[in-house]
Amino acid sequence: MEIVLVRHGQPEWIRDDLNVDNPPLTQLGFEQAHCVAQALAGEHFDEIWVSPLVRAQQTAQPLLAQRNITVGPDVTQDWLEEIRNPLWHGTPRQKADDAYREERGRVAEKRWDGLTDGEPVRDFVVRIHEGADKFLSDRGIIASPQELPVWHIEKPDRKILCIAHAGTNSVFIGHILGLAPTPWEWERFVIAHASMSRLESFQIGDGHFFGLTKLSDVEHMAADQRTF
């Protein structure tokens, strides 16, 4: 089984020096989305799923259009939503800059609290783990009741594509590999805009384990199109 994780293209977090909530893509972000579509044009996927946020939906649009699939609820998985930031829309960008600076300055354990007035990182990790487990079990991919990250896979020849976010994809990667989570998964797995990460299952005596065969692949974009 192969699971391909794409991060959305570059979003317009700041407009006229003001914060934007649930932002659309920048012009470069749209170019990156077309690069993703071109790179994956020759690959077959049994399923394609997208985060509900605008930047992910816009990133998915060129790829889905190739396959005559409409962006919308039929291809959306709500659990893929990124960690929920505080509601900063329309406030000066300095407000967000100061909040991130304060968070990065905390001692390690306090990083679990996340941004003030945002979703705590602990809650985000639980949300992604629970959402991933249900998503996988619905497809016959079930964790073995043992310490090691062994999975029982009913249809190991399937290939699934998810278009989501750096945080979502990072937490999912750690979970399926059996790694203990940290409150800085975004920095542990550094994932570029419109990059592709790949997880592949390998059979062993009592099931399958997953290996990370690609992380943040950006070779489908020119050097001046690559952003983080």
C-alpha atoms as a PDB file:
ATOM      1  CA  MET A   1       0.000   0.000   0.000  1.00  0.00           C
ATOM      2  CA  GLU A   2       1.163   3.529  -0.717  1.00  0.00           C
ATOM      3  CA  ILE A   3      -0.119   6.722   0.899  1.00  0.00           C
ATOM      4  CA  VAL A   4       0.950   9.971  -0.765  1.00  0.00           C
ATOM      5  CA  LEU A   5       0.707  13.172   1.288  1.00  0.00           C
ATOM      6  CA  VAL A   6       0.791  16.533  -0.500  1.00  0.00           C
ATOM      7  CA  ARG A   7       1.064  19.837   1.324  1.00  0.00           C
ATOM      8  CA  HIS A   8      -0.929  22.770  -0.047  1.00  0.00           C
ATOM      9  CA  GLY A   9       0.757  25.523  -2.062  1.00  0.00           C
ATOM     10  CA  GLN A  10       1.942  28.844  -0.667  1.00  0.00           C
ATOM     11  CA  PRO A  11      -0.973  30.612   1.108  1.00  0.00           C
ATOM     12  CA  GLU A  12      -1.652  34.335   1.370  1.00  0.00           C
ATOM     13  CA  TRP A  13      -1.392  34.594   5.156  1.00  0.00           C
ATOM     14  CA  ILE A  14      -0.855  38.362   4.959  1.00  0.00           C
ATOM     15  CA  ARG A  15      -2.745  40.869   2.783  1.00  0.00           C
ATOM     16  CA  ASP A  16      -2.116  44.621   3.072  1.00  0.00           C
ATOM     17  CA  ASP A  17      -0.068  43.861   6.204  1.00  0.00           C
ATOM     18  CA  LEU A  18      -3.120  42.276   7.876  1.00  0.00           C
ATOM     19  CA  ASN A  19      -3.615  38.650   8.931  1.00  0.00           C
ATOM     20  CA  VAL A  20      -5.885  36.433   6.813  1.00  0.00           C
ATOM     21  CA  ASP A  21      -7.736  33.473   8.315  1.00  0.00           C
ATOM     22  CA  ASN A  22      -8.274  30.381   6.122  1.00  0.00           C
ATOM     23  CA  PRO A  23      -6.279  32.082   3.349  1.00  0.00           C
ATOM     24  CA  PRO A  24      -6.365  31.354  -0.389  1.00  0.00           C
ATOM     25  CA  LEU A  25      -3.240  30.568  -2.372  1.00  0.00           C
ATOM     26  CA  THR A  26      -0.865  33.220  -3.643  1.00  0.00           C
ATOM     27  CA  GLN A  27      -0.120  33.404  -7.369  1.00  0.00           C
ATOM     28  CA  LEU A  28       2.982  31.319  -6.695  1.00  0.00           C
ATOM     29  CA  GLY A  29       0.816  28.886  -4.738  1.00  0.00           C
ATOM     30  CA  PHE A  30      -1.397  28.354  -7.790  1.00  0.00           C
ATOM     31  CA  GLU A  31       1.719  27.723  -9.899  1.00  0.00           C
ATOM     32  CA  GLN A  32       2.896  25.174  -7.338  1.00  0.00           C
ATOM     33  CA  ALA A  33      -0.513  23.456  -7.469  1.00  0.00           C
ATOM     34  CA  HIS A  34      -0.204  23.052 -11.238  1.00  0.00           C
ATOM     35  CA  CYS A  35       3.278  21.562 -10.748  1.00  0.00           C
ATOM     36  CA  VAL A  36       1.765  18.960  -8.399  1.00  0.00           C
ATOM     37  CA  ALA A  37      -0.923  18.099 -10.944  1.00  0.00           C
ATOM     38  CA  GLN A  38       1.642  17.689 -13.708  1.00  0.00           C
ATOM     39  CA  ALA A  39       3.925  15.562 -11.529  1.00  0.00           C
ATOM     40  CA  LEU A  40       1.124  13.178 -10.530  1.00  0.00           C
ATOM     41  CA  ALA A  41      -0.676  13.111 -13.890  1.00  0.00           C
ATOM     42  CA  GLY A  42       0.596   9.635 -14.747  1.00  0.00           C
ATOM     43  CA  GLU A  43      -0.139   8.033 -11.371  1.00  0.00           C
ATOM     44  CA  HIS A  44      -3.289   6.076 -10.570  1.00  0.00           C
ATOM     45  CA  PHE A  45      -4.911   6.629  -7.173  1.00  0.00           C
ATOM     46  CA  ASP A  46      -7.708   4.519  -5.775  1.00  0.00           C
ATOM     47  CA  GLU A  47      -8.783   7.438  -3.605  1.00  0.00           C
ATOM     48  CA  ILE A  48      -8.039  11.166  -3.465  1.00  0.00           C
ATOM     49  CA  TRP A  49      -8.946  13.219  -0.391  1.00  0.00           C
ATOM     50  CA  VAL A  50      -8.567  16.885   0.513  1.00  0.00           C
ATOM     51  CA  SER A  51      -8.601  19.006   3.678  1.00  0.00           C
ATOM     52  CA  PRO A  52     -11.634  21.326   3.956  1.00  0.00           C
ATOM     53  CA  LEU A  53      -9.485  24.484   4.135  1.00  0.00           C
ATOM     54  CA  VAL A  54      -9.340  26.816   1.133  1.00  0.00           C
ATOM     55  CA  ARG A  55      -5.597  26.505   0.491  1.00  0.00           C
ATOM     56  CA  ALA A  56      -5.807  22.712   0.261  1.00  0.00           C
ATOM     57  CA  GLN A  57      -8.948  22.734  -1.885  1.00  0.00           C
ATOM     58  CA  GLN A  58      -7.330  25.174  -4.329  1.00  0.00           C
ATOM     59  CA  THR A  59      -4.159  23.079  -4.446  1.00  0.00           C
ATOM     60  CA  ALA A  60      -6.209  19.994  -5.294  1.00  0.00           C
ATOM     61  CA  GLN A  61      -8.248  21.655  -8.045  1.00  0.00           C
ATOM     62  CA  PRO A  62      -5.830  21.232 -11.013  1.00  0.00           C
ATOM     63  CA  LEU A  63      -5.139  17.589 -10.161  1.00  0.00           C
ATOM     64  CA  LEU A  64      -8.818  16.765  -9.679  1.00  0.00           C
ATOM     65  CA  ALA A  65      -9.762  18.586 -12.887  1.00  0.00           C
ATOM     66  CA  GLN A  66      -7.411  16.280 -14.810  1.00  0.00           C
ATOM     67  CA  ARG A  67      -9.467  13.361 -13.540  1.00  0.00           C
ATOM     68  CA  ASN A  68     -12.873  14.983 -14.060  1.00  0.00           C
ATOM     69  CA  ILE A  69     -13.431  15.188 -10.307  1.00  0.00           C
ATOM     70  CA  THR A  70     -15.099  18.234  -8.760  1.00  0.00           C
ATOM     71  CA  VAL A  71     -13.597  19.886  -5.700  1.00  0.00           C
ATOM     72  CA  GLY A  72     -16.085  19.804  -2.842  1.00  0.00           C
ATOM     73  CA  PRO A  73     -17.678  17.676  -0.134  1.00  0.00           C
ATOM     74  CA  ASP A  74     -17.379  14.397  -2.055  1.00  0.00           C
ATOM     75  CA  VAL A  75     -13.571  14.505  -1.861  1.00  0.00           C
ATOM     76  CA  THR A  76     -13.221  16.296   1.498  1.00  0.00           C
ATOM     77  CA  GLN A  77     -12.074  14.712   4.766  1.00  0.00           C
ATOM     78  CA  ASP A  78     -12.703  17.099   7.672  1.00  0.00           C
ATOM     79  CA  TRP A  79     -10.163  15.392   9.940  1.00  0.00           C
ATOM     80  CA  LEU A  80      -7.363  16.591   7.621  1.00  0.00           C
ATOM     81  CA  GLU A  81      -7.880  20.195   8.776  1.00  0.00           C
ATOM     82  CA  GLU A  82      -4.716  21.894  10.048  1.00  0.00           C
ATOM     83  CA  ILE A  83      -4.293  22.949  13.689  1.00  0.00           C
ATOM     84  CA  ARG A  84      -6.756  25.763  14.415  1.00  0.00           C
ATOM     85  CA  ASN A  85      -5.033  29.092  14.898  1.00  0.00           C
ATOM     86  CA  PRO A  86      -6.497  31.958  16.929  1.00  0.00           C
ATOM     87  CA  LEU A  87      -8.956  34.139  14.984  1.00  0.00           C
ATOM     88  CA  TRP A  88      -6.647  36.903  13.803  1.00  0.00           C
ATOM     89  CA  HIS A  89      -8.393  37.917  10.574  1.00  0.00           C
ATOM     90  CA  GLY A  90      -7.988  41.621   9.842  1.00  0.00           C
ATOM     91  CA  THR A  91      -5.571  42.265  12.708  1.00  0.00           C
ATOM     92  CA  PRO A  92      -2.031  43.605  12.110  1.00  0.00           C
ATOM     93  CA  ARG A  93       0.488  40.932  11.108  1.00  0.00           C
ATOM     94  CA  GLN A  94       2.561  41.882  14.156  1.00  0.00           C
ATOM     95  CA  LYS A  95      -0.048  40.181  16.349  1.00  0.00           C
ATOM     96  CA  ALA A  96       0.660  36.794  14.749  1.00  0.00           C
ATOM     97  CA  ASP A  97       4.422  37.406  14.644  1.00  0.00           C
ATOM     98  CA  ASP A  98       4.457  38.171  18.369  1.00  0.00           C
ATOM     99  CA  ALA A  99       2.324  35.112  19.188  1.00  0.00           C
ATOM    100  CA  TYR A 100       4.625  32.730  17.296  1.00  0.00           C
ATOM    101  CA  ARG A 101       7.705  34.321  18.866  1.00  0.00           C
ATOM    102  CA  GLU A 102       6.248  33.862  22.339  1.00  0.00           C
ATOM    103  CA  GLU A 103       5.373  30.225  21.622  1.00  0.00           C
ATOM    104  CA  ARG A 104       8.856  29.388  20.303  1.00  0.00           C
ATOM    105  CA  GLY A 105      10.409  30.894  23.439  1.00  0.00           C
ATOM    106  CA  ARG A 106       8.620  28.519  25.835  1.00  0.00           C
ATOM    107  CA  VAL A 107      10.180  25.551  27.575  1.00  0.00           C
ATOM    108  CA  ALA A 108       9.541  22.252  25.780  1.00  0.00           C
ATOM    109  CA  GLU A 109       6.607  20.976  27.848  1.00  0.00           C
ATOM    110  CA  LYS A 110       4.707  24.270  27.533  1.00  0.00           C
ATOM    111  CA  ARG A 111       4.812  23.990  23.736  1.00  0.00           C
ATOM    112  CA  TRP A 112       1.973  21.460  24.073  1.00  0.00           C
ATOM    113  CA  ASP A 113      -0.334  24.372  24.958  1.00  0.00           C
ATOM    114  CA  GLY A 114      -0.041  25.815  21.450  1.00  0.00           C
ATOM    115  CA  LEU A 115      -0.767  29.402  20.519  1.00  0.00           C
ATOM    116  CA  THR A 116      -2.775  31.403  23.031  1.00  0.00           C
ATOM    117  CA  ASP A 117      -6.495  31.152  22.107  1.00  0.00           C
ATOM    118  CA  GLY A 118      -5.741  28.552  19.443  1.00  0.00           C
ATOM    119  CA  GLU A 119      -6.150  24.767  19.418  1.00  0.00           C
ATOM    120  CA  PRO A 120      -3.738  23.150  21.918  1.00  0.00           C
ATOM    121  CA  VAL A 121      -1.176  20.917  20.220  1.00  0.00           C
ATOM    122  CA  ARG A 122      -2.181  17.997  22.457  1.00  0.00           C
ATOM    123  CA  ASP A 123      -5.785  18.297  21.245  1.00  0.00           C
ATOM    124  CA  PHE A 124      -4.643  18.592  17.629  1.00  0.00           C
ATOM    125  CA  VAL A 125      -2.534  15.433  17.877  1.00  0.00           C
ATOM    126  CA  VAL A 126      -5.447  13.505  19.399  1.00  0.00           C
ATOM    127  CA  ARG A 127      -7.770  14.796  16.665  1.00  0.00           C
ATOM    128  CA  ILE A 128      -5.439  13.684  13.881  1.00  0.00           C
ATOM    129  CA  HIS A 129      -4.700  10.308  15.493  1.00  0.00           C
ATOM    130  CA  GLU A 130      -8.396   9.558  16.023  1.00  0.00           C
ATOM    131  CA  GLY A 131      -9.331  10.809  12.553  1.00  0.00           C
ATOM    132  CA  ALA A 132      -6.533   8.820  10.928  1.00  0.00           C
ATOM    133  CA  ASP A 133      -7.422   5.621  12.794  1.00  0.00           C
ATOM    134  CA  LYS A 134     -11.061   5.842  11.707  1.00  0.00           C
ATOM    135  CA  PHE A 135     -10.095   6.733   8.128  1.00  0.00           C
ATOM    136  CA  LEU A 136      -7.683   3.797   7.961  1.00  0.00           C
ATOM    137  CA  SER A 137      -9.952   1.272   9.696  1.00  0.00           C
ATOM    138  CA  ASP A 138     -12.776   2.140   7.293  1.00  0.00           C
ATOM    139  CA  ARG A 139     -10.406   0.947   4.570  1.00  0.00           C
ATOM    140  CA  GLY A 140      -9.328  -2.242   6.299  1.00  0.00           C
ATOM    141  CA  ILE A 141      -6.074  -0.833   7.700  1.00  0.00           C
ATOM    142  CA  ILE A 142      -6.066  -1.633  11.409  1.00  0.00           C
ATOM    143  CA  ALA A 143      -3.296  -1.280  13.999  1.00  0.00           C
ATOM    144  CA  SER A 144      -2.188  -4.505  15.631  1.00  0.00           C
ATOM    145  CA  PRO A 145      -2.687  -4.662  19.441  1.00  0.00           C
ATOM    146  CA  GLN A 146       1.011  -4.738  20.229  1.00  0.00           C
ATOM    147  CA  GLU A 147       3.719  -2.208  21.043  1.00  0.00           C
ATOM    148  CA  LEU A 148       5.345  -2.258  17.622  1.00  0.00           C
ATOM    149  CA  PRO A 149       3.641  -0.304  14.795  1.00  0.00           C
ATOM    150  CA  VAL A 150       2.309  -3.294  12.872  1.00  0.00           C
ATOM    151  CA  TRP A 151      -0.782  -2.887  10.699  1.00  0.00           C
ATOM    152  CA  HIS A 152      -3.207  -5.406   9.232  1.00  0.00           C
ATOM    153  CA  ILE A 153      -4.063  -4.332   5.675  1.00  0.00           C
ATOM    154  CA  GLU A 154      -6.911  -5.998   3.805  1.00  0.00           C
ATOM    155  CA  LYS A 155      -5.984  -4.574   0.386  1.00  0.00           C
ATOM    156  CA  PRO A 156      -2.236  -3.837   0.321  1.00  0.00           C
ATOM    157  CA  ASP A 157      -2.256  -2.985  -3.403  1.00  0.00           C
ATOM    158  CA  ARG A 158      -4.219   0.252  -2.912  1.00  0.00           C
ATOM    159  CA  LYS A 159      -2.855   3.780  -3.366  1.00  0.00           C
ATOM    160  CA  ILE A 160      -4.326   6.798  -1.564  1.00  0.00           C
ATOM    161  CA  LEU A 161      -3.577  10.514  -2.031  1.00  0.00           C
ATOM    162  CA  CYS A 162      -4.285  13.143   0.641  1.00  0.00           C
ATOM    163  CA  ILE A 163      -3.806  16.886   0.073  1.00  0.00           C
ATOM    164  CA  ALA A 164      -3.526  18.637   3.413  1.00  0.00           C
ATOM    165  CA  HIS A 165      -1.067  20.601   5.583  1.00  0.00           C
ATOM    166  CA  ALA A 166       2.376  20.531   7.165  1.00  0.00           C
ATOM    167  CA  GLY A 167       1.002  19.860  10.651  1.00  0.00           C
ATOM    168  CA  THR A 168      -1.599  17.329   9.575  1.00  0.00           C
ATOM    169  CA  ASN A 169       0.831  15.435   7.367  1.00  0.00           C
ATOM    170  CA  SER A 170       3.602  15.508   9.980  1.00  0.00           C
ATOM    171  CA  VAL A 171       1.401  14.151  12.762  1.00  0.00           C
ATOM    172  CA  PHE A 172      -0.008  11.487  10.426  1.00  0.00           C
ATOM    173  CA  ILE A 173       3.498  10.392   9.384  1.00  0.00           C
ATOM    174  CA  GLY A 174       4.628  10.082  12.989  1.00  0.00           C
ATOM    175  CA  HIS A 175       1.486   8.165  13.917  1.00  0.00           C
ATOM    176  CA  ILE A 176       1.631   5.597  11.138  1.00  0.00           C
ATOM    177  CA  LEU A 177       5.360   5.056  11.742  1.00  0.00           C
ATOM    178  CA  GLY A 178       4.730   4.534  15.463  1.00  0.00           C
ATOM    179  CA  LEU A 179       6.729   7.562  16.660  1.00  0.00           C
ATOM    180  CA  ALA A 180       5.902   9.311  19.916  1.00  0.00           C
ATOM    181  CA  PRO A 181       4.503  12.772  19.084  1.00  0.00           C
ATOM    182  CA  THR A 182       6.194  16.040  20.016  1.00  0.00           C
ATOM    183  CA  PRO A 183       4.715  19.551  20.172  1.00  0.00           C
ATOM    184  CA  TRP A 184       6.920  20.597  17.232  1.00  0.00           C
ATOM    185  CA  GLU A 185       6.060  18.078  14.505  1.00  0.00           C
ATOM    186  CA  TRP A 186       6.174  20.943  11.960  1.00  0.00           C
ATOM    187  CA  GLU A 187       9.879  21.368  12.714  1.00  0.00           C
ATOM    188  CA  ARG A 188      10.659  17.661  13.113  1.00  0.00           C
ATOM    189  CA  PHE A 189       9.305  16.874   9.644  1.00  0.00           C
ATOM    190  CA  VAL A 190      10.132  19.951   7.558  1.00  0.00           C
ATOM    191  CA  ILE A 191       7.609  19.902   4.697  1.00  0.00           C
ATOM    192  CA  ALA A 192       7.688  22.440   1.857  1.00  0.00           C
ATOM    193  CA  HIS A 193       4.686  23.962   0.120  1.00  0.00           C
ATOM    194  CA  ALA A 194       3.259  21.690  -2.609  1.00  0.00           C
ATOM    195  CA  SER A 195       5.747  18.975  -1.684  1.00  0.00           C
ATOM    196  CA  MET A 196       5.020  15.251  -1.779  1.00  0.00           C
ATOM    197  CA  SER A 197       5.754  12.718   0.963  1.00  0.00           C
ATOM    198  CA  ARG A 198       5.258   8.988   0.459  1.00  0.00           C
ATOM    199  CA  LEU A 199       4.568   6.147   2.881  1.00  0.00           C
ATOM    200  CA  GLU A 200       4.799   2.563   1.663  1.00  0.00           C
ATOM    201  CA  SER A 201       3.790  -0.615   3.481  1.00  0.00           C
ATOM    202  CA  PHE A 202       6.087  -3.639   3.721  1.00  0.00           C
ATOM    203  CA  GLN A 203       4.883  -7.126   4.630  1.00  0.00           C
ATOM    204  CA  ILE A 204       6.311  -9.050   7.591  1.00  0.00           C
ATOM    205  CA  GLY A 205       5.259 -12.257   9.327  1.00  0.00           C
ATOM    206  CA  ASP A 206       2.389 -10.787  11.345  1.00  0.00           C
ATOM    207  CA  GLY A 207       1.200  -7.924   9.150  1.00  0.00           C
ATOM    208  CA  HIS A 208       2.713  -4.822   7.577  1.00  0.00           C
ATOM    209  CA  PHE A 209       4.777  -1.864   8.691  1.00  0.00           C
ATOM    210  CA  PHE A 210       5.062   1.501   6.948  1.00  0.00           C
ATOM    211  CA  GLY A 211       8.259   3.127   5.753  1.00  0.00           C
ATOM    212  CA  LEU A 212       8.772   6.776   4.820  1.00  0.00           C
ATOM    213  CA  THR A 213      10.136   6.488   1.283  1.00  0.00           C
ATOM    214  CA  LYS A 214       9.997  10.220   0.431  1.00  0.00           C
ATOM    215  CA  LEU A 215       9.757  13.303   2.637  1.00  0.00           C
ATOM    216  CA  SER A 216       8.978  16.749   1.217  1.00  0.00           C
ATOM    217  CA  ASP A 217       9.882  15.922  -2.387  1.00  0.00           C
ATOM    218  CA  VAL A 218      10.020  19.193  -4.374  1.00  0.00           C
ATOM    219  CA  GLU A 219      11.779  17.987  -7.524  1.00  0.00           C
ATOM    220  CA  HIS A 220       8.645  18.693  -9.584  1.00  0.00           C
ATOM    221  CA  MET A 221       9.126  22.443  -9.019  1.00  0.00           C
ATOM    222  CA  ALA A 222      11.825  24.812 -10.244  1.00  0.00           C
ATOM    223  CA  ALA A 223      14.238  26.126  -7.634  1.00  0.00           C
ATOM    224  CA  ASP A 224      12.580  29.564  -7.579  1.00  0.00           C
ATOM    225  CA  GLN A 225       9.148  27.976  -6.982  1.00  0.00           C
ATOM    226  CA  ARG A 226      10.133  26.209  -3.759  1.00  0.00           C
ATOM    227  CA  THR A 227       8.899  27.765  -0.516  1.00  0.00           C
ATOM    228  CA  PHE A 228       8.262  26.717   3.086  1.00  0.00           C
END
